[in-house]
Amino acid sequence: MTKYIDPFLEENISSFGDLFNRLDSKMLDNLSACDNYKLLNKENEEVKLKYPHLVDIIESTVATKDIYSKEEIQALATYMQNQHMINNYEKCEMYKVA
């Protein structure tokens, strides 16, 4: 019969913390080696720098302006598409390491 180990007991918490830290580290190492992942993040940073008022929409979902240009809307759409692909890379890596 298998004995149940409660992961939330004080003596087990540090072991799980170490495991999660190692998994996070491995995931970040794998992602930092991926050129597409780095390119997507770079493009998103460029959008934030070029259109600082879009950062409000991106981070807090509050629009500070009433009217946005076609270029701004396209930049926001690009950012959202890139962020979706970034999230997919991260999820894929998370499942690979687990």
PDB file of N, CA and C in Angstrom:
ATOM      1  N   MET A   1       0.840  -1.177   0.000  1.00  0.00           N
ATOM      2  CA  MET A   1       0.000   0.000   0.000  1.00  0.00           C
ATOM      3  C   MET A   1       0.885   1.241   0.000  1.00  0.00           C
ATOM      4  N   THR A   2       0.535   2.216  -0.810  1.00  0.00           N
ATOM      5  CA  THR A   2       1.299   3.444  -0.944  1.00  0.00           C
ATOM      6  C   THR A   2       0.919   4.430   0.148  1.00  0.00           C
ATOM      7  N   LYS A   3       1.917   5.023   0.736  1.00  0.00           N
ATOM      8  CA  LYS A   3       1.682   5.987   1.806  1.00  0.00           C
ATOM      9  C   LYS A   3       1.476   7.375   1.193  1.00  0.00           C
ATOM     10  N   TYR A   4       0.459   8.077   1.629  1.00  0.00           N
ATOM     11  CA  TYR A   4       0.187   9.433   1.161  1.00  0.00           C
ATOM     12  C   TYR A   4       1.141  10.406   1.849  1.00  0.00           C
ATOM     13  N   ILE A   5       1.779  11.261   1.041  1.00  0.00           N
ATOM     14  CA  ILE A   5       2.669  12.291   1.590  1.00  0.00           C
ATOM     15  C   ILE A   5       1.994  13.633   1.365  1.00  0.00           C
ATOM     16  N   ASP A   6       1.698  14.308   2.433  1.00  0.00           N
ATOM     17  CA  ASP A   6       1.061  15.618   2.338  1.00  0.00           C
ATOM     18  C   ASP A   6       2.111  16.658   1.949  1.00  0.00           C
ATOM     19  N   PRO A   7       1.997  17.250   0.743  1.00  0.00           N
ATOM     20  CA  PRO A   7       3.019  18.195   0.290  1.00  0.00           C
ATOM     21  C   PRO A   7       3.023  19.507   1.073  1.00  0.00           C
ATOM     22  N   PHE A   8       1.989  19.778   1.840  1.00  0.00           N
ATOM     23  CA  PHE A   8       1.891  21.053   2.530  1.00  0.00           C
ATOM     24  C   PHE A   8       2.335  21.001   3.988  1.00  0.00           C
ATOM     25  N   LEU A   9       2.862  19.877   4.398  1.00  0.00           N
ATOM     26  CA  LEU A   9       3.447  19.822   5.726  1.00  0.00           C
ATOM     27  C   LEU A   9       4.755  20.609   5.723  1.00  0.00           C
ATOM     28  N   GLU A  10       5.092  21.177   6.841  1.00  0.00           N
ATOM     29  CA  GLU A  10       6.275  22.044   6.949  1.00  0.00           C
ATOM     30  C   GLU A  10       7.546  21.387   6.420  1.00  0.00           C
ATOM     31  N   GLU A  11       7.746  20.112   6.724  1.00  0.00           N
ATOM     32  CA  GLU A  11       8.986  19.446   6.309  1.00  0.00           C
ATOM     33  C   GLU A  11       9.034  19.179   4.805  1.00  0.00           C
ATOM     34  N   ASN A  12       7.893  19.211   4.121  1.00  0.00           N
ATOM     35  CA  ASN A  12       7.867  18.934   2.686  1.00  0.00           C
ATOM     36  C   ASN A  12       7.855  20.198   1.826  1.00  0.00           C
ATOM     37  N   ILE A  13       7.503  21.317   2.408  1.00  0.00           N
ATOM     38  CA  ILE A  13       7.359  22.551   1.629  1.00  0.00           C
ATOM     39  C   ILE A  13       8.676  22.958   0.978  1.00  0.00           C
ATOM     40  N   SER A  14       9.767  22.888   1.698  1.00  0.00           N
ATOM     41  CA  SER A  14      11.045  23.313   1.127  1.00  0.00           C
ATOM     42  C   SER A  14      11.461  22.409  -0.033  1.00  0.00           C
ATOM     43  N   SER A  15      11.156  21.129   0.045  1.00  0.00           N
ATOM     44  CA  SER A  15      11.495  20.215  -1.045  1.00  0.00           C
ATOM     45  C   SER A  15      10.746  20.590  -2.310  1.00  0.00           C
ATOM     46  N   PHE A  16       9.472  20.897  -2.173  1.00  0.00           N
ATOM     47  CA  PHE A  16       8.691  21.286  -3.339  1.00  0.00           C
ATOM     48  C   PHE A  16       9.123  22.650  -3.854  1.00  0.00           C
ATOM     49  N   GLY A  17       9.502  23.552  -2.951  1.00  0.00           N
ATOM     50  CA  GLY A  17       9.998  24.862  -3.374  1.00  0.00           C
ATOM     51  C   GLY A  17      11.247  24.728  -4.222  1.00  0.00           C
ATOM     52  N   ASP A  18      12.157  23.859  -3.807  1.00  0.00           N
ATOM     53  CA  ASP A  18      13.379  23.622  -4.582  1.00  0.00           C
ATOM     54  C   ASP A  18      13.053  23.035  -5.952  1.00  0.00           C
ATOM     55  N   LEU A  19      12.126  22.096  -5.975  1.00  0.00           N
ATOM     56  CA  LEU A  19      11.726  21.491  -7.242  1.00  0.00           C
ATOM     57  C   LEU A  19      11.156  22.542  -8.188  1.00  0.00           C
ATOM     58  N   PHE A  20      10.254  23.383  -7.711  1.00  0.00           N
ATOM     59  CA  PHE A  20       9.650  24.411  -8.553  1.00  0.00           C
ATOM     60  C   PHE A  20      10.691  25.426  -9.016  1.00  0.00           C
ATOM     61  N   ASN A  21      11.636  25.761  -8.168  1.00  0.00           N
ATOM     62  CA  ASN A  21      12.703  26.682  -8.577  1.00  0.00           C
ATOM     63  C   ASN A  21      13.547  26.085  -9.696  1.00  0.00           C
ATOM     64  N   ARG A  22      13.863  24.794  -9.590  1.00  0.00           N
ATOM     65  CA  ARG A  22      14.638  24.132 -10.645  1.00  0.00           C
ATOM     66  C   ARG A  22      13.844  24.069 -11.946  1.00  0.00           C
ATOM     67  N   LEU A  23      12.562  23.761 -11.859  1.00  0.00           N
ATOM     68  CA  LEU A  23      11.734  23.713 -13.063  1.00  0.00           C
ATOM     69  C   LEU A  23      11.634  25.083 -13.718  1.00  0.00           C
ATOM     70  N   ASP A  24      11.432  26.128 -12.910  1.00  0.00           N
ATOM     71  CA  ASP A  24      11.366  27.491 -13.446  1.00  0.00           C
ATOM     72  C   ASP A  24      12.672  27.869 -14.126  1.00  0.00           C
ATOM     73  N   SER A  25      13.775  27.542 -13.492  1.00  0.00           N
ATOM     74  CA  SER A  25      15.085  27.869 -14.037  1.00  0.00           C
ATOM     75  C   SER A  25      15.312  27.157 -15.369  1.00  0.00           C
ATOM     76  N   LYS A  26      14.963  25.889 -15.416  1.00  0.00           N
ATOM     77  CA  LYS A  26      15.137  25.120 -16.660  1.00  0.00           C
ATOM     78  C   LYS A  26      14.243  25.681 -17.761  1.00  0.00           C
ATOM     79  N   MET A  27      13.009  26.029 -17.420  1.00  0.00           N
ATOM     80  CA  MET A  27      12.090  26.582 -18.396  1.00  0.00           C
ATOM     81  C   MET A  27      12.622  27.903 -18.951  1.00  0.00           C
ATOM     82  N   LEU A  28      13.118  28.776 -18.066  1.00  0.00           N
ATOM     83  CA  LEU A  28      13.655  30.058 -18.509  1.00  0.00           C
ATOM     84  C   LEU A  28      14.908  29.871 -19.364  1.00  0.00           C
ATOM     85  N   ASP A  29      15.740  28.903 -19.023  1.00  0.00           N
ATOM     86  CA  ASP A  29      16.924  28.616 -19.843  1.00  0.00           C
ATOM     87  C   ASP A  29      16.518  28.173 -21.246  1.00  0.00           C
ATOM     88  N   ASN A  30      15.540  27.292 -21.322  1.00  0.00           N
ATOM     89  CA  ASN A  30      15.070  26.818 -22.628  1.00  0.00           C
ATOM     90  C   ASN A  30      14.452  27.947 -23.443  1.00  0.00           C
ATOM     91  N   LEU A  31      13.661  28.802 -22.791  1.00  0.00           N
ATOM     92  CA  LEU A  31      13.029  29.912 -23.504  1.00  0.00           C
ATOM     93  C   LEU A  31      14.060  30.941 -23.967  1.00  0.00           C
ATOM     94  N   SER A  32      15.069  31.184 -23.156  1.00  0.00           N
ATOM     95  CA  SER A  32      16.081  32.175 -23.539  1.00  0.00           C
ATOM     96  C   SER A  32      16.938  31.683 -24.704  1.00  0.00           C
ATOM     97  N   ALA A  33      16.921  30.393 -24.970  1.00  0.00           N
ATOM     98  CA  ALA A  33      17.647  29.832 -26.110  1.00  0.00           C
ATOM     99  C   ALA A  33      16.812  29.845 -27.388  1.00  0.00           C
ATOM    100  N   CYS A  34      15.529  30.155 -27.264  1.00  0.00           N
ATOM    101  CA  CYS A  34      14.618  30.138 -28.416  1.00  0.00           C
ATOM    102  C   CYS A  34      14.617  31.509 -29.101  1.00  0.00           C
ATOM    103  N   ASP A  35      15.083  31.557 -30.342  1.00  0.00           N
ATOM    104  CA  ASP A  35      15.184  32.824 -31.071  1.00  0.00           C
ATOM    105  C   ASP A  35      13.822  33.454 -31.333  1.00  0.00           C
ATOM    106  N   ASN A  36      12.818  32.646 -31.680  1.00  0.00           N
ATOM    107  CA  ASN A  36      11.485  33.197 -31.941  1.00  0.00           C
ATOM    108  C   ASN A  36      10.882  33.826 -30.694  1.00  0.00           C
ATOM    109  N   TYR A  37      11.073  33.200 -29.563  1.00  0.00           N
ATOM    110  CA  TYR A  37      10.572  33.727 -28.294  1.00  0.00           C
ATOM    111  C   TYR A  37      11.224  35.072 -27.991  1.00  0.00           C
ATOM    112  N   LYS A  38      12.535  35.149 -28.174  1.00  0.00           N
ATOM    113  CA  LYS A  38      13.249  36.406 -27.922  1.00  0.00           C
ATOM    114  C   LYS A  38      12.793  37.492 -28.895  1.00  0.00           C
ATOM    115  N   LEU A  39      12.581  37.127 -30.159  1.00  0.00           N
ATOM    116  CA  LEU A  39      12.143  38.093 -31.168  1.00  0.00           C
ATOM    117  C   LEU A  39      10.760  38.648 -30.837  1.00  0.00           C
ATOM    118  N   LEU A  40       9.847  37.778 -30.421  1.00  0.00           N
ATOM    119  CA  LEU A  40       8.498  38.219 -30.063  1.00  0.00           C
ATOM    120  C   LEU A  40       8.536  39.190 -28.876  1.00  0.00           C
ATOM    121  N   ASN A  41       9.335  38.870 -27.874  1.00  0.00           N
ATOM    122  CA  ASN A  41       9.462  39.761 -26.717  1.00  0.00           C
ATOM    123  C   ASN A  41      10.077  41.096 -27.116  1.00  0.00           C
ATOM    124  N   LYS A  42      11.057  41.060 -28.000  1.00  0.00           N
ATOM    125  CA  LYS A  42      11.699  42.293 -28.465  1.00  0.00           C
ATOM    126  C   LYS A  42      10.692  43.164 -29.218  1.00  0.00           C
ATOM    127  N   GLU A  43       9.911  42.548 -30.103  1.00  0.00           N
ATOM    128  CA  GLU A  43       8.898  43.299 -30.850  1.00  0.00           C
ATOM    129  C   GLU A  43       7.886  43.943 -29.905  1.00  0.00           C
ATOM    130  N   ASN A  44       7.476  43.220 -28.874  1.00  0.00           N
ATOM    131  CA  ASN A  44       6.511  43.774 -27.919  1.00  0.00           C
ATOM    132  C   ASN A  44       7.106  44.933 -27.129  1.00  0.00           C
ATOM    133  N   GLU A  45       8.378  44.840 -26.780  1.00  0.00           N
ATOM    134  CA  GLU A  45       9.038  45.945 -26.085  1.00  0.00           C
ATOM    135  C   GLU A  45       9.127  47.171 -26.986  1.00  0.00           C
ATOM    136  N   GLU A  46       9.368  46.955 -28.269  1.00  0.00           N
ATOM    137  CA  GLU A  46       9.428  48.064 -29.225  1.00  0.00           C
ATOM    138  C   GLU A  46       8.073  48.748 -29.358  1.00  0.00           C
ATOM    139  N   VAL A  47       7.002  47.964 -29.354  1.00  0.00           N
ATOM    140  CA  VAL A  47       5.652  48.549 -29.399  1.00  0.00           C
ATOM    141  C   VAL A  47       5.414  49.409 -28.169  1.00  0.00           C
ATOM    142  N   LYS A  48       5.801  48.908 -27.004  1.00  0.00           N
ATOM    143  CA  LYS A  48       5.619  49.674 -25.765  1.00  0.00           C
ATOM    144  C   LYS A  48       6.414  50.976 -25.777  1.00  0.00           C
ATOM    145  N   LEU A  49       7.632  50.922 -26.332  1.00  0.00           N
ATOM    146  CA  LEU A  49       8.466  52.125 -26.383  1.00  0.00           C
ATOM    147  C   LEU A  49       7.943  53.135 -27.410  1.00  0.00           C
ATOM    148  N   LYS A  50       7.484  52.649 -28.552  1.00  0.00           N
ATOM    149  CA  LYS A  50       7.008  53.535 -29.618  1.00  0.00           C
ATOM    150  C   LYS A  50       5.650  54.141 -29.296  1.00  0.00           C
ATOM    151  N   TYR A  51       4.807  53.392 -28.594  1.00  0.00           N
ATOM    152  CA  TYR A  51       3.456  53.848 -28.251  1.00  0.00           C
ATOM    153  C   TYR A  51       3.246  53.740 -26.740  1.00  0.00           C
ATOM    154  N   PRO A  52       3.818  54.645 -25.967  1.00  0.00           N
ATOM    155  CA  PRO A  52       3.721  54.523 -24.504  1.00  0.00           C
ATOM    156  C   PRO A  52       2.285  54.605 -23.970  1.00  0.00           C
ATOM    157  N   HIS A  53       1.404  55.300 -24.683  1.00  0.00           N
ATOM    158  CA  HIS A  53       0.014  55.370 -24.210  1.00  0.00           C
ATOM    159  C   HIS A  53      -0.731  54.048 -24.402  1.00  0.00           C
ATOM    160  N   LEU A  54      -0.211  53.160 -25.245  1.00  0.00           N
ATOM    161  CA  LEU A  54      -0.829  51.837 -25.396  1.00  0.00           C
ATOM    162  C   LEU A  54      -0.514  50.935 -24.202  1.00  0.00           C
ATOM    163  N   VAL A  55       0.509  51.290 -23.449  1.00  0.00           N
ATOM    164  CA  VAL A  55       0.887  50.497 -22.274  1.00  0.00           C
ATOM    165  C   VAL A  55      -0.265  50.467 -21.273  1.00  0.00           C
ATOM    166  N   ASP A  56      -1.004  51.566 -21.171  1.00  0.00           N
ATOM    167  CA  ASP A  56      -2.166  51.589 -20.266  1.00  0.00           C
ATOM    168  C   ASP A  56      -3.193  50.541 -20.659  1.00  0.00           C
ATOM    169  N   ILE A  57      -3.448  50.421 -21.946  1.00  0.00           N
ATOM    170  CA  ILE A  57      -4.415  49.421 -22.429  1.00  0.00           C
ATOM    171  C   ILE A  57      -3.863  48.015 -22.191  1.00  0.00           C
ATOM    172  N   ILE A  58      -2.580  47.829 -22.495  1.00  0.00           N
ATOM    173  CA  ILE A  58      -1.947  46.515 -22.387  1.00  0.00           C
ATOM    174  C   ILE A  58      -1.910  46.034 -20.940  1.00  0.00           C
ATOM    175  N   GLU A  59      -1.544  46.916 -20.022  1.00  0.00           N
ATOM    176  CA  GLU A  59      -1.329  46.488 -18.640  1.00  0.00           C
ATOM    177  C   GLU A  59      -2.538  46.637 -17.735  1.00  0.00           C
ATOM    178  N   SER A  60      -3.412  47.576 -18.041  1.00  0.00           N
ATOM    179  CA  SER A  60      -4.533  47.778 -17.116  1.00  0.00           C
ATOM    180  C   SER A  60      -5.898  47.717 -17.789  1.00  0.00           C
ATOM    181  N   THR A  61      -5.926  47.500 -19.082  1.00  0.00           N
ATOM    182  CA  THR A  61      -7.161  47.443 -19.870  1.00  0.00           C
ATOM    183  C   THR A  61      -7.999  48.714 -19.754  1.00  0.00           C
ATOM    184  N   VAL A  62      -7.343  49.839 -19.499  1.00  0.00           N
ATOM    185  CA  VAL A  62      -8.031  51.130 -19.439  1.00  0.00           C
ATOM    186  C   VAL A  62      -7.507  51.990 -20.580  1.00  0.00           C
ATOM    187  N   ALA A  63      -8.400  52.420 -21.447  1.00  0.00           N
ATOM    188  CA  ALA A  63      -8.011  53.287 -22.558  1.00  0.00           C
ATOM    189  C   ALA A  63      -7.934  54.728 -22.074  1.00  0.00           C
ATOM    190  N   THR A  64      -6.797  55.377 -22.317  1.00  0.00           N
ATOM    191  CA  THR A  64      -6.628  56.760 -21.867  1.00  0.00           C
ATOM    192  C   THR A  64      -7.031  57.754 -22.943  1.00  0.00           C
ATOM    193  N   LYS A  65      -7.096  57.314 -24.179  1.00  0.00           N
ATOM    194  CA  LYS A  65      -7.521  58.179 -25.282  1.00  0.00           C
ATOM    195  C   LYS A  65      -8.849  57.675 -25.829  1.00  0.00           C
ATOM    196  N   ASP A  66      -9.579  58.589 -26.464  1.00  0.00           N
ATOM    197  CA  ASP A  66     -10.853  58.198 -27.082  1.00  0.00           C
ATOM    198  C   ASP A  66     -10.667  57.725 -28.518  1.00  0.00           C
ATOM    199  N   ILE A  67      -9.644  58.255 -29.176  1.00  0.00           N
ATOM    200  CA  ILE A  67      -9.430  57.944 -30.585  1.00  0.00           C
ATOM    201  C   ILE A  67      -7.990  57.476 -30.779  1.00  0.00           C
ATOM    202  N   TYR A  68      -7.839  56.359 -31.503  1.00  0.00           N
ATOM    203  CA  TYR A  68      -6.523  55.816 -31.812  1.00  0.00           C
ATOM    204  C   TYR A  68      -6.360  55.743 -33.320  1.00  0.00           C
ATOM    205  N   SER A  69      -5.159  55.986 -33.784  1.00  0.00           N
ATOM    206  CA  SER A  69      -4.897  55.927 -35.220  1.00  0.00           C
ATOM    207  C   SER A  69      -4.886  54.469 -35.686  1.00  0.00           C
ATOM    208  N   LYS A  70      -4.965  54.308 -37.001  1.00  0.00           N
ATOM    209  CA  LYS A  70      -4.923  52.967 -37.584  1.00  0.00           C
ATOM    210  C   LYS A  70      -3.593  52.292 -37.240  1.00  0.00           C
ATOM    211  N   GLU A  71      -2.515  53.070 -37.244  1.00  0.00           N
ATOM    212  CA  GLU A  71      -1.185  52.551 -36.916  1.00  0.00           C
ATOM    213  C   GLU A  71      -1.130  52.064 -35.460  1.00  0.00           C
ATOM    214  N   GLU A  72      -1.750  52.808 -34.558  1.00  0.00           N
ATOM    215  CA  GLU A  72      -1.780  52.417 -33.145  1.00  0.00           C
ATOM    216  C   GLU A  72      -2.592  51.143 -32.931  1.00  0.00           C
ATOM    217  N   ILE A  73      -3.722  51.055 -33.608  1.00  0.00           N
ATOM    218  CA  ILE A  73      -4.562  49.855 -33.501  1.00  0.00           C
ATOM    219  C   ILE A  73      -3.822  48.645 -34.058  1.00  0.00           C
ATOM    220  N   GLN A  74      -3.106  48.845 -35.182  1.00  0.00           N
ATOM    221  CA  GLN A  74      -2.333  47.744 -35.761  1.00  0.00           C
ATOM    222  C   GLN A  74      -1.209  47.322 -34.818  1.00  0.00           C
ATOM    223  N   ALA A  75      -0.562  48.294 -34.171  1.00  0.00           N
ATOM    224  CA  ALA A  75       0.502  47.984 -33.217  1.00  0.00           C
ATOM    225  C   ALA A  75      -0.059  47.194 -32.033  1.00  0.00           C
ATOM    226  N   LEU A  76      -1.235  47.580 -31.566  1.00  0.00           N
ATOM    227  CA  LEU A  76      -1.869  46.870 -30.456  1.00  0.00           C
ATOM    228  C   LEU A  76      -2.241  45.446 -30.874  1.00  0.00           C
ATOM    229  N   ALA A  77      -2.759  45.291 -32.097  1.00  0.00           N
ATOM    230  CA  ALA A  77      -3.102  43.954 -32.600  1.00  0.00           C
ATOM    231  C   ALA A  77      -1.849  43.082 -32.712  1.00  0.00           C
ATOM    232  N   THR A  78      -0.752  43.666 -33.188  1.00  0.00           N
ATOM    233  CA  THR A  78       0.515  42.938 -33.289  1.00  0.00           C
ATOM    234  C   THR A  78       0.989  42.525 -31.912  1.00  0.00           C
ATOM    235  N   TYR A  79       0.911  43.444 -30.959  1.00  0.00           N
ATOM    236  CA  TYR A  79       1.317  43.143 -29.590  1.00  0.00           C
ATOM    237  C   TYR A  79       0.507  41.971 -29.032  1.00  0.00           C
ATOM    238  N   MET A  80      -0.797  42.020 -29.220  1.00  0.00           N
ATOM    239  CA  MET A  80      -1.668  40.965 -28.682  1.00  0.00           C
ATOM    240  C   MET A  80      -1.373  39.619 -29.336  1.00  0.00           C
ATOM    241  N   GLN A  81      -1.147  39.628 -30.641  1.00  0.00           N
ATOM    242  CA  GLN A  81      -0.823  38.381 -31.341  1.00  0.00           C
ATOM    243  C   GLN A  81       0.522  37.839 -30.850  1.00  0.00           C
ATOM    244  N   ASN A  82       1.512  38.719 -30.715  1.00  0.00           N
ATOM    245  CA  ASN A  82       2.816  38.285 -30.200  1.00  0.00           C
ATOM    246  C   ASN A  82       2.687  37.730 -28.796  1.00  0.00           C
ATOM    247  N   GLN A  83       1.902  38.396 -27.954  1.00  0.00           N
ATOM    248  CA  GLN A  83       1.748  37.944 -26.572  1.00  0.00           C
ATOM    249  C   GLN A  83       1.076  36.571 -26.521  1.00  0.00           C
ATOM    250  N   HIS A  84       0.145  36.337 -27.409  1.00  0.00           N
ATOM    251  CA  HIS A  84      -0.506  35.025 -27.481  1.00  0.00           C
ATOM    252  C   HIS A  84       0.526  33.942 -27.832  1.00  0.00           C
ATOM    253  N   MET A  85       1.401  34.242 -28.800  1.00  0.00           N
ATOM    254  CA  MET A  85       2.414  33.268 -29.193  1.00  0.00           C
ATOM    255  C   MET A  85       3.454  33.081 -28.082  1.00  0.00           C
ATOM    256  N   ILE A  86       3.797  34.163 -27.371  1.00  0.00           N
ATOM    257  CA  ILE A  86       4.713  34.068 -26.228  1.00  0.00           C
ATOM    258  C   ILE A  86       4.118  33.148 -25.164  1.00  0.00           C
ATOM    259  N   ASN A  87       2.834  33.329 -24.871  1.00  0.00           N
ATOM    260  CA  ASN A  87       2.160  32.479 -23.885  1.00  0.00           C
ATOM    261  C   ASN A  87       2.174  31.018 -24.320  1.00  0.00           C
ATOM    262  N   ASN A  88       1.994  30.782 -25.613  1.00  0.00           N
ATOM    263  CA  ASN A  88       2.032  29.407 -26.115  1.00  0.00           C
ATOM    264  C   ASN A  88       3.420  28.787 -25.944  1.00  0.00           C
ATOM    265  N   TYR A  89       4.478  29.554 -26.234  1.00  0.00           N
ATOM    266  CA  TYR A  89       5.838  29.065 -26.014  1.00  0.00           C
ATOM    267  C   TYR A  89       6.041  28.707 -24.546  1.00  0.00           C
ATOM    268  N   GLU A  90       5.574  29.580 -23.649  1.00  0.00           N
ATOM    269  CA  GLU A  90       5.755  29.348 -22.215  1.00  0.00           C
ATOM    270  C   GLU A  90       4.986  28.119 -21.746  1.00  0.00           C
ATOM    271  N   LYS A  91       3.762  27.954 -22.226  1.00  0.00           N
ATOM    272  CA  LYS A  91       2.978  26.771 -21.846  1.00  0.00           C
ATOM    273  C   LYS A  91       3.644  25.497 -22.353  1.00  0.00           C
ATOM    274  N   CYS A  92       4.111  25.544 -23.584  1.00  0.00           N
ATOM    275  CA  CYS A  92       4.768  24.375 -24.168  1.00  0.00           C
ATOM    276  C   CYS A  92       6.010  23.999 -23.359  1.00  0.00           C
ATOM    277  N   GLU A  93       6.813  24.979 -22.990  1.00  0.00           N
ATOM    278  CA  GLU A  93       8.003  24.705 -22.179  1.00  0.00           C
ATOM    279  C   GLU A  93       7.627  24.171 -20.806  1.00  0.00           C
ATOM    280  N   MET A  94       6.559  24.709 -20.243  1.00  0.00           N
ATOM    281  CA  MET A  94       6.132  24.265 -18.917  1.00  0.00           C
ATOM    282  C   MET A  94       5.780  22.779 -18.949  1.00  0.00           C
ATOM    283  N   TYR A  95       5.096  22.346 -20.019  1.00  0.00           N
ATOM    284  CA  TYR A  95       4.728  20.934 -20.112  1.00  0.00           C
ATOM    285  C   TYR A  95       5.942  20.063 -20.420  1.00  0.00           C
ATOM    286  N   LYS A  96       6.926  20.615 -21.130  1.00  0.00           N
ATOM    287  CA  LYS A  96       8.133  19.843 -21.443  1.00  0.00           C
ATOM    288  C   LYS A  96       8.940  19.548 -20.185  1.00  0.00           C
ATOM    289  N   VAL A  97       9.033  20.542 -19.294  1.00  0.00           N
ATOM    290  CA  VAL A  97       9.869  20.378 -18.111  1.00  0.00           C
ATOM    291  C   VAL A  97       9.174  19.574 -17.033  1.00  0.00           C
ATOM    292  N   ALA A  98       7.885  19.627 -16.997  1.00  0.00           N
ATOM    293  CA  ALA A  98       7.159  18.959 -15.915  1.00  0.00           C
ATOM    294  C   ALA A  98       7.218  17.457 -16.037  1.00  0.00           C
TER     295      ALA A  98
END
